[in-house]
Amino acid sequence: MFGIVRPCTHRLSQGLKAEWMAHLCGLCLALRGDHGQFARVVTNYDGLIVSVLTDAQAGPTEGARRTAGPCPLRGMRTASVAKGEGARLAASVSLVLASAKIRDHVADRNGLLRRRPVAAAARKVAAGWDRAGARTGATLGFDTAVLVDAVDRQLGIEELAGPGTPLTVITEPTETATAAAFAHTAVLAGRPGNAAPLAEAGRFFGRLAHLLDAVEDRAADAAEGAWNPLTATGATTAQARRLCDDALHGIRLALRDVEFADATLVHVLLVHELRRSVDRAFGTTTCAHQGHDRNPYRNGPGGPAQ
């Protein structure tokens, strides 16, 4: 399970917790439904935001929820889960970006991926996920080529980066990819006027995702000799934090220009929880609750067919 927005569920009301889980389970089941059981391993906390944004703009619609069968990760309880275009777009984006993450690890020769047979198998999986994500995206009018192009440009940008390179140069491909995904939720929800501010929010979200990943992985990357944007550019933690704080502010401003049917969960995730994600990455705050990050998907998706 990966992603930067990992809310501690004790902070969510019962209603919001159920809604958040509906989107998380919906993403997991959309992956299984379109791409098979193994695809569920790319279920992630950030991907579900695409589903949340779509529903928040569209409002309650017929057929937007279905009852899923018992799952061990829900204590063998049934649940109302999100379905439809928002969940499927989230699945498409998650597959392509998970593919990118695999290729990035292969390029960095992280862990077992130093071994050629393992790296070759990983590249094969990544290529399959790219194709699968593209198929689903096409049925929704979303061209995943913008995501693939961003991923392909990333390696070249990293190879040219060095001391003094602005961090925003390195985060640009991630920003572009996330902006496209956020903007397309406006198309699916029938609110085209929201596309521009959502693209702006997505751009800042992509910057945060890239920077927080770099901050959290810096020590491990150094130990493995893996490439890290902060180390490569010589950027300080303070510089990274300023960029993150600016991105948080940019997301808040962009969301004010979006017309939502119900913005409650969006606000919780992209304002309150995203701020906590930044604080957590930089070690400026922790959650004292014993169940922090202990949700039914803490160790990844799975369970029986539903």
Protein backbone atom coordinates (compact mmCIF):
# COMPACT_ATOMS: atom_id res chain seq x y z
CA MET A 1 0.00 0.00 0.00
CA PHE A 2 1.43 3.34 -0.96
CA GLY A 3 0.35 6.96 -1.04
CA ILE A 4 0.88 10.13 0.96
CA VAL A 5 -2.67 10.70 2.22
CA ARG A 6 -3.02 8.10 4.97
CA PRO A 7 -5.68 9.33 7.40
CA CYS A 8 -5.80 7.90 10.87
CA THR A 9 -9.38 6.70 10.93
CA HIS A 10 -9.99 7.81 14.53
CA ARG A 11 -10.02 11.38 13.19
CA LEU A 12 -12.82 10.64 10.73
CA SER A 13 -16.47 10.61 11.70
CA GLN A 14 -18.24 7.30 11.16
CA GLY A 15 -19.87 8.70 8.05
CA LEU A 16 -16.63 9.96 6.53
CA LYS A 17 -14.78 6.78 7.47
CA ALA A 18 -17.45 4.72 5.69
CA GLU A 19 -17.24 7.03 2.67
CA TRP A 20 -13.45 6.86 2.57
CA MET A 21 -13.56 3.06 2.79
CA ALA A 22 -16.22 2.97 0.07
CA HIS A 23 -13.77 4.62 -2.32
CA LEU A 24 -10.80 2.52 -1.22
CA CYS A 25 -12.74 -0.73 -1.62
CA GLY A 26 -14.25 0.57 -4.84
CA LEU A 27 -10.80 1.16 -6.31
CA CYS A 28 -9.67 -2.30 -5.25
CA LEU A 29 -12.71 -3.97 -6.80
CA ALA A 30 -12.51 -1.88 -9.98
CA LEU A 31 -8.95 -3.10 -10.43
CA ARG A 32 -10.03 -6.69 -9.96
CA GLY A 33 -13.09 -6.34 -12.14
CA ASP A 34 -11.27 -4.82 -15.13
CA HIS A 35 -7.81 -6.30 -14.76
CA GLY A 36 -7.88 -9.42 -12.62
CA GLN A 37 -7.06 -10.36 -9.06
CA PHE A 38 -3.34 -9.56 -9.20
CA ALA A 39 -4.02 -5.95 -10.23
CA ARG A 40 -5.43 -5.32 -6.76
CA VAL A 41 -1.88 -5.01 -5.43
CA VAL A 42 -1.75 -1.46 -6.84
CA THR A 43 -4.62 -0.29 -4.65
CA ASN A 44 -3.31 2.87 -3.02
CA TYR A 45 -4.40 5.69 -0.77
CA ASP A 46 -3.81 8.48 -3.28
CA GLY A 47 -5.54 6.81 -6.21
CA LEU A 48 -8.85 6.80 -4.39
CA ILE A 49 -8.79 10.62 -4.36
CA VAL A 50 -9.64 10.51 -8.08
CA SER A 51 -12.77 8.56 -7.20
CA VAL A 52 -13.56 10.93 -4.32
CA LEU A 53 -13.23 13.99 -6.56
CA THR A 54 -15.54 12.51 -9.19
CA ASP A 55 -18.28 11.71 -6.68
CA ALA A 56 -17.88 15.02 -4.84
CA GLN A 57 -18.62 16.91 -8.05
CA ALA A 58 -21.37 14.65 -9.37
CA GLY A 59 -23.26 14.24 -6.10
CA PRO A 60 -25.47 11.25 -5.31
CA THR A 61 -26.33 9.36 -8.50
CA GLU A 62 -28.18 6.14 -9.15
CA GLY A 63 -25.85 3.17 -9.37
CA ALA A 64 -22.89 4.97 -7.75
CA ARG A 65 -22.70 2.38 -4.96
CA ARG A 66 -23.04 -1.36 -4.69
CA THR A 67 -22.90 -3.80 -1.81
CA ALA A 68 -19.68 -5.80 -1.77
CA GLY A 69 -19.49 -9.22 -0.18
CA PRO A 70 -17.59 -10.12 2.99
CA CYS A 71 -13.87 -9.42 3.00
CA PRO A 72 -11.29 -10.35 5.66
CA LEU A 73 -9.90 -6.83 5.53
CA ARG A 74 -13.28 -5.56 6.69
CA GLY A 75 -13.68 -8.18 9.39
CA MET A 76 -15.75 -10.33 7.01
CA ARG A 77 -18.40 -7.63 6.80
CA THR A 78 -20.23 -6.51 3.70
CA ALA A 79 -19.96 -2.85 2.71
CA SER A 80 -21.34 -0.24 0.36
CA VAL A 81 -18.54 0.56 -2.10
CA ALA A 82 -18.05 3.09 -4.88
CA LYS A 83 -18.52 1.91 -8.44
CA GLY A 84 -18.66 3.49 -11.84
CA GLU A 85 -16.47 5.86 -13.79
CA GLY A 86 -14.69 7.53 -10.87
CA ALA A 87 -13.49 4.22 -9.45
CA ARG A 88 -12.46 2.99 -12.90
CA LEU A 89 -10.50 6.17 -13.64
CA ALA A 90 -8.78 5.74 -10.28
CA ALA A 91 -7.92 2.18 -11.29
CA SER A 92 -6.52 3.27 -14.66
CA VAL A 93 -4.35 5.98 -13.13
CA SER A 94 -3.18 3.67 -10.33
CA LEU A 95 -2.04 1.01 -12.78
CA VAL A 96 -0.04 3.42 -14.92
CA LEU A 97 1.58 5.18 -11.97
CA ALA A 98 2.35 1.88 -10.25
CA SER A 99 4.02 0.80 -13.47
CA ALA A 100 6.07 4.00 -13.33
CA LYS A 101 7.09 3.27 -9.77
CA ILE A 102 8.30 -0.20 -10.77
CA ARG A 103 10.34 1.16 -13.67
CA ASP A 104 11.83 3.81 -11.40
CA HIS A 105 12.92 1.15 -8.91
CA VAL A 106 14.34 -0.94 -11.75
CA ALA A 107 16.31 2.04 -13.03
CA ASP A 108 17.62 2.72 -9.51
CA ARG A 109 18.38 -1.01 -9.04
CA ASN A 110 16.68 -1.06 -5.67
CA GLY A 111 16.87 -4.22 -3.57
CA LEU A 112 16.07 -7.42 -5.44
CA LEU A 113 15.74 -5.44 -8.66
CA ARG A 114 19.52 -5.43 -8.87
CA ARG A 115 19.14 -8.99 -10.16
CA ARG A 116 18.57 -9.13 -13.90
CA PRO A 117 15.91 -11.89 -13.92
CA VAL A 118 13.90 -10.05 -11.26
CA ALA A 119 14.26 -6.74 -13.08
CA ALA A 120 13.15 -8.33 -16.36
CA ALA A 121 10.06 -9.81 -14.71
CA ALA A 122 9.26 -6.45 -13.10
CA ARG A 123 9.53 -4.65 -16.44
CA LYS A 124 7.14 -7.18 -17.97
CA VAL A 125 4.59 -6.56 -15.21
CA ALA A 126 4.99 -2.80 -15.62
CA ALA A 127 4.40 -3.00 -19.38
CA GLY A 128 1.25 -5.06 -18.82
CA TRP A 129 -0.09 -2.53 -16.34
CA ASP A 130 0.59 0.30 -18.80
CA ARG A 131 -1.51 -1.46 -21.44
CA ALA A 132 -4.26 -2.32 -18.98
CA GLY A 133 -4.47 1.23 -17.66
CA ALA A 134 -4.62 2.57 -21.21
CA ARG A 135 -7.53 0.26 -22.10
CA THR A 136 -9.60 1.36 -19.14
CA GLY A 137 -8.68 5.00 -19.65
CA ALA A 138 -9.79 4.85 -23.28
CA THR A 139 -13.27 3.65 -22.29
CA LEU A 140 -13.54 6.75 -20.07
CA GLY A 141 -12.23 9.23 -22.64
CA PHE A 142 -8.94 9.58 -20.77
CA ASP A 143 -5.71 9.21 -22.72
CA THR A 144 -3.12 7.71 -20.39
CA ALA A 145 -0.42 8.73 -22.88
CA VAL A 146 0.01 11.92 -20.88
CA LEU A 147 0.92 9.79 -17.86
CA VAL A 148 3.26 7.53 -19.81
CA ASP A 149 4.94 10.53 -21.45
CA ALA A 150 5.49 12.12 -18.04
CA VAL A 151 7.02 8.91 -16.74
CA ASP A 152 9.28 8.57 -19.78
CA ARG A 153 10.53 12.15 -19.39
CA GLN A 154 11.29 11.66 -15.70
CA LEU A 155 14.40 9.54 -16.18
CA GLY A 156 15.94 11.99 -18.64
CA ILE A 157 15.30 14.89 -16.29
CA GLU A 158 16.90 13.01 -13.41
CA GLU A 159 19.97 12.16 -15.50
CA LEU A 160 20.54 15.86 -16.26
CA ALA A 161 19.86 17.08 -12.72
CA GLY A 162 22.70 18.14 -10.49
CA PRO A 163 23.60 20.56 -7.71
CA GLY A 164 21.47 23.66 -8.01
CA THR A 165 18.78 22.16 -10.24
CA PRO A 166 15.42 23.48 -8.97
CA LEU A 167 13.35 20.74 -7.36
CA THR A 168 10.35 21.89 -9.39
CA VAL A 169 12.17 20.88 -12.58
CA ILE A 170 12.37 17.33 -11.25
CA THR A 171 8.78 17.22 -9.96
CA GLU A 172 7.27 18.59 -13.20
CA PRO A 173 6.44 15.22 -14.84
CA THR A 174 4.61 14.03 -11.71
CA GLU A 175 2.79 17.36 -11.54
CA THR A 176 1.71 17.07 -15.17
CA ALA A 177 0.43 13.52 -14.77
CA THR A 178 -1.55 14.24 -11.62
CA ALA A 179 -3.00 17.44 -13.07
CA ALA A 180 -4.38 15.47 -16.02
CA ALA A 181 -6.01 12.86 -13.78
CA PHE A 182 -7.59 15.44 -11.46
CA ALA A 183 -8.89 17.50 -14.40
CA HIS A 184 -10.56 14.49 -16.03
CA THR A 185 -12.73 13.96 -12.97
CA ALA A 186 -14.51 17.16 -13.98
CA VAL A 187 -15.28 15.63 -17.39
CA LEU A 188 -16.66 12.44 -15.83
CA ALA A 189 -18.76 14.43 -13.37
CA GLY A 190 -20.23 16.65 -16.09
CA ARG A 191 -18.65 19.82 -14.69
CA PRO A 192 -16.15 20.93 -17.35
CA GLY A 193 -15.74 24.32 -15.69
CA ASN A 194 -13.96 22.58 -12.83
CA ALA A 195 -11.21 21.18 -15.04
CA ALA A 196 -8.82 24.15 -14.78
CA PRO A 197 -8.83 24.57 -10.98
CA LEU A 198 -8.67 20.80 -10.50
CA ALA A 199 -5.68 20.63 -12.83
CA GLU A 200 -4.02 23.26 -10.65
CA ALA A 201 -4.82 21.30 -7.49
CA GLY A 202 -3.51 18.14 -9.17
CA ARG A 203 -0.29 19.86 -10.17
CA PHE A 204 0.41 20.85 -6.56
CA PHE A 205 -0.64 17.41 -5.32
CA GLY A 206 1.84 15.80 -7.71
CA ARG A 207 4.58 18.09 -6.43
CA LEU A 208 3.79 17.08 -2.86
CA ALA A 209 3.71 13.39 -3.68
CA HIS A 210 7.12 13.56 -5.33
CA LEU A 211 8.76 15.66 -2.62
CA LEU A 212 7.34 13.74 0.34
CA ASP A 213 8.46 10.48 -1.23
CA ALA A 214 11.96 11.97 -1.60
CA VAL A 215 12.02 13.19 2.00
CA GLU A 216 10.83 9.90 3.45
CA ASP A 217 13.19 7.81 1.29
CA ARG A 218 16.31 9.98 1.59
CA ALA A 219 18.08 7.90 4.23
CA ALA A 220 17.19 4.57 2.61
CA ASP A 221 18.23 5.85 -0.82
CA ALA A 222 21.56 6.97 0.58
CA ALA A 223 22.14 3.56 2.18
CA GLU A 224 21.40 1.79 -1.13
CA GLY A 225 23.17 4.31 -3.32
CA ALA A 226 19.88 5.06 -5.06
CA TRP A 227 19.10 8.37 -6.76
CA ASN A 228 17.21 10.92 -4.66
CA PRO A 229 16.22 14.41 -5.85
CA LEU A 230 17.21 16.11 -2.62
CA THR A 231 20.66 14.54 -2.56
CA ALA A 232 21.23 15.03 -6.29
CA THR A 233 20.35 18.73 -6.25
CA GLY A 234 21.82 19.51 -2.84
CA ALA A 235 18.47 20.86 -1.72
CA THR A 236 18.00 21.29 2.01
CA THR A 237 15.13 19.94 4.04
CA ALA A 238 14.05 23.54 4.67
CA GLN A 239 13.85 24.22 0.94
CA ALA A 240 11.76 21.11 0.39
CA ARG A 241 9.47 22.08 3.26
CA ARG A 242 8.88 25.55 1.81
CA LEU A 243 7.86 24.03 -1.51
CA CYS A 244 5.51 21.64 0.28
CA ASP A 245 3.91 24.44 2.29
CA ASP A 246 3.45 26.48 -0.89
CA ALA A 247 1.82 23.46 -2.56
CA LEU A 248 -0.58 23.03 0.35
CA HIS A 249 -1.59 26.67 0.02
CA GLY A 250 -2.01 26.29 -3.75
CA ILE A 251 -4.32 23.30 -3.34
CA ARG A 252 -6.51 25.17 -0.85
CA LEU A 253 -6.83 28.13 -3.22
CA ALA A 254 -7.56 25.94 -6.25
CA LEU A 255 -10.29 23.99 -4.45
CA ARG A 256 -12.12 27.23 -3.67
CA ASP A 257 -12.78 27.62 -7.40
CA VAL A 258 -14.21 24.11 -7.82
CA GLU A 259 -17.97 23.61 -7.80
CA PHE A 260 -18.75 20.58 -5.65
CA ALA A 261 -22.04 18.90 -4.79
CA ASP A 262 -20.47 17.86 -1.47
CA ALA A 263 -16.88 18.86 -0.69
CA THR A 264 -16.69 17.44 2.84
CA LEU A 265 -14.48 14.41 2.21
CA VAL A 266 -12.39 16.26 -0.39
CA HIS A 267 -11.69 19.00 2.15
CA VAL A 268 -10.76 16.50 4.85
CA LEU A 269 -8.34 14.62 2.60
CA LEU A 270 -6.79 17.42 0.54
CA VAL A 271 -6.62 20.10 3.23
CA HIS A 272 -6.49 18.59 6.72
CA GLU A 273 -4.98 15.16 6.05
CA LEU A 274 -2.57 16.42 3.42
CA ARG A 275 -1.20 18.93 5.93
CA ARG A 276 -0.70 16.09 8.40
CA SER A 277 1.08 14.09 5.70
CA VAL A 278 3.57 16.92 5.26
CA ASP A 279 4.09 17.26 9.00
CA ARG A 280 4.58 13.50 9.31
CA ALA A 281 7.16 13.36 6.51
CA PHE A 282 9.18 16.18 8.04
CA GLY A 283 8.83 14.81 11.56
CA THR A 284 7.03 17.85 12.93
CA THR A 285 4.04 15.97 14.29
CA THR A 286 2.84 12.46 15.05
CA CYS A 287 -0.47 10.85 15.82
CA ALA A 288 -0.67 9.66 19.42
CA HIS A 289 -3.55 7.34 18.65
CA GLN A 290 -2.53 3.69 18.98
CA GLY A 291 -4.38 2.80 15.81
CA HIS A 292 -2.57 5.28 13.58
CA ASP A 293 -2.63 3.99 10.01
CA ARG A 294 -4.27 0.80 11.23
CA ASN A 295 -7.10 0.47 8.76
CA PRO A 296 -8.36 -2.63 6.98
CA TYR A 297 -5.97 -2.01 4.08
CA ARG A 298 -2.86 -1.33 6.14
CA ASN A 299 -0.99 -4.29 4.66
CA GLY A 300 -2.47 -4.18 1.20
CA PRO A 301 -5.59 -5.41 -0.56
CA GLY A 302 -6.63 -8.97 -1.03
CA GLY A 303 -9.25 -11.34 0.23
CA PRO A 304 -11.85 -13.33 -1.63
CA ALA A 305 -13.71 -12.30 -4.72
CA GLN A 306 -16.62 -10.02 -3.88
